[in-house]
Structures are given as structure tokens and as C-alpha cells.
Amino acid sequence: MLVLTRKLNESIQIGDDIEIKVLAVEGDQIKLGIDAPKAVDIHRKEIYLDIKNQNSEAANLPDDVLSLLKNSER
């Protein structure tokens, strides 16, 4: 893991397209601004893990549930 120290209004550049800027420091919280292409999904990690988990569960649905879903679309 790369660890960088940044101050208020300083940024980190990732490749050519992604910039992460420290917008505010309030107590034990830091507000970050992220400038990235719209095609890049950006989520808080707990949300990303939840989406990943839900997708994994959906991919492992039993065949009878998948058949019911396919038939309901008709």
C-alpha cells in the first residue's frame, strides 16, 4: 500500500484521468473530492462490497428461480 500525506487543497493524481483532492478536514473526518471519468464507478468501500456480495448471490441463484424469472419476463 502506498501511503501519501496531503494537506488541505492538495491532490493525488492517479493516471491521466483521476484526481483526488482534500477538500476539508473536520475533526476526525476528511472530505475528498474525486474527479474521474463518468465511466469509472466510485463507491464507498462498504457499498462496493455490498454490491459485490449481492451480485455474487444473484449469480448463484438456483436454476428453478432463474427459470421463474425468465418466464415472468414473457
Protein backbone atom coordinates (compact mmCIF):
# COMPACT_ATOMS: atom_id res chain seq x y z
CA MET A 1 0.00 0.00 0.00
CA LEU A 2 1.27 3.42 -0.93
CA VAL A 3 0.80 5.96 1.87
CA LEU A 4 0.83 9.67 0.98
CA THR A 5 0.42 12.73 3.16
CA ARG A 6 -1.67 15.58 1.75
CA LYS A 7 -2.79 18.90 3.21
CA LEU A 8 -5.98 20.85 2.62
CA ASN A 9 -6.47 21.61 -1.11
CA GLU A 10 -3.65 19.27 -2.14
CA SER A 11 -4.32 16.44 -4.59
CA ILE A 12 -3.27 12.99 -5.64
CA GLN A 13 -3.26 12.17 -9.36
CA ILE A 14 -4.00 8.60 -10.50
CA GLY A 15 -3.08 8.12 -14.13
CA ASP A 16 -4.18 10.85 -16.52
CA ASP A 17 -7.87 10.84 -15.61
CA ILE A 18 -8.36 10.62 -11.84
CA GLU A 19 -7.64 13.33 -9.29
CA ILE A 20 -8.39 13.04 -5.58
CA LYS A 21 -8.34 16.33 -3.66
CA VAL A 22 -8.55 17.02 0.09
CA LEU A 23 -11.46 19.47 0.37
CA ALA A 24 -11.85 19.74 4.14
CA VAL A 25 -10.54 18.37 7.41
CA GLU A 26 -13.08 18.47 10.23
CA GLY A 27 -12.07 16.69 13.43
CA ASP A 28 -11.51 13.04 12.58
CA GLN A 29 -13.19 13.30 9.16
CA ILE A 30 -11.69 14.23 5.82
CA LYS A 31 -13.77 15.32 2.81
CA LEU A 32 -12.36 14.19 -0.50
CA GLY A 33 -13.28 15.39 -3.97
CA ILE A 34 -12.83 12.88 -6.76
CA ASP A 35 -12.59 13.98 -10.37
CA ALA A 36 -12.84 10.96 -12.66
CA PRO A 37 -14.44 9.98 -15.97
CA LYS A 38 -18.13 9.11 -15.76
CA ALA A 39 -17.30 5.57 -16.90
CA VAL A 40 -15.41 4.98 -13.62
CA ASP A 41 -17.61 3.68 -10.80
CA ILE A 42 -16.83 5.29 -7.45
CA HIS A 43 -18.32 3.91 -4.23
CA ARG A 44 -17.54 3.95 -0.53
CA LYS A 45 -15.88 0.62 0.20
CA GLU A 46 -18.75 -0.76 2.31
CA ILE A 47 -21.18 -0.02 -0.54
CA TYR A 48 -18.83 -1.59 -3.11
CA LEU A 49 -18.53 -4.77 -1.01
CA ASP A 50 -22.33 -4.93 -0.60
CA ILE A 51 -22.84 -4.59 -4.38
CA LYS A 52 -20.20 -7.26 -5.00
CA ASN A 53 -21.85 -9.58 -2.47
CA GLN A 54 -25.33 -9.06 -3.96
CA ASN A 55 -24.00 -9.74 -7.47
CA SER A 56 -22.32 -12.91 -6.25
CA GLU A 57 -25.53 -14.10 -4.58
CA ALA A 58 -27.56 -13.32 -7.70
CA ALA A 59 -25.09 -15.28 -9.84
CA ASN A 60 -25.61 -18.31 -7.62
CA LEU A 61 -29.41 -18.42 -7.76
CA PRO A 62 -30.83 -21.94 -8.13
CA ASP A 63 -31.93 -22.91 -11.67
CA ASP A 64 -35.62 -23.01 -10.71
CA VAL A 65 -35.50 -19.37 -9.58
CA LEU A 66 -33.79 -18.35 -12.81
CA SER A 67 -36.45 -20.20 -14.82
CA LEU A 68 -39.20 -18.39 -12.95
CA LEU A 69 -37.55 -15.05 -13.65
CA LYS A 70 -37.17 -15.83 -17.35
CA ASN A 71 -40.79 -16.93 -17.65
CA SER A 72 -42.07 -13.82 -15.86
CA GLU A 73 -40.40 -11.59 -18.47
CA ARG A 74 -42.56 -13.03 -21.26
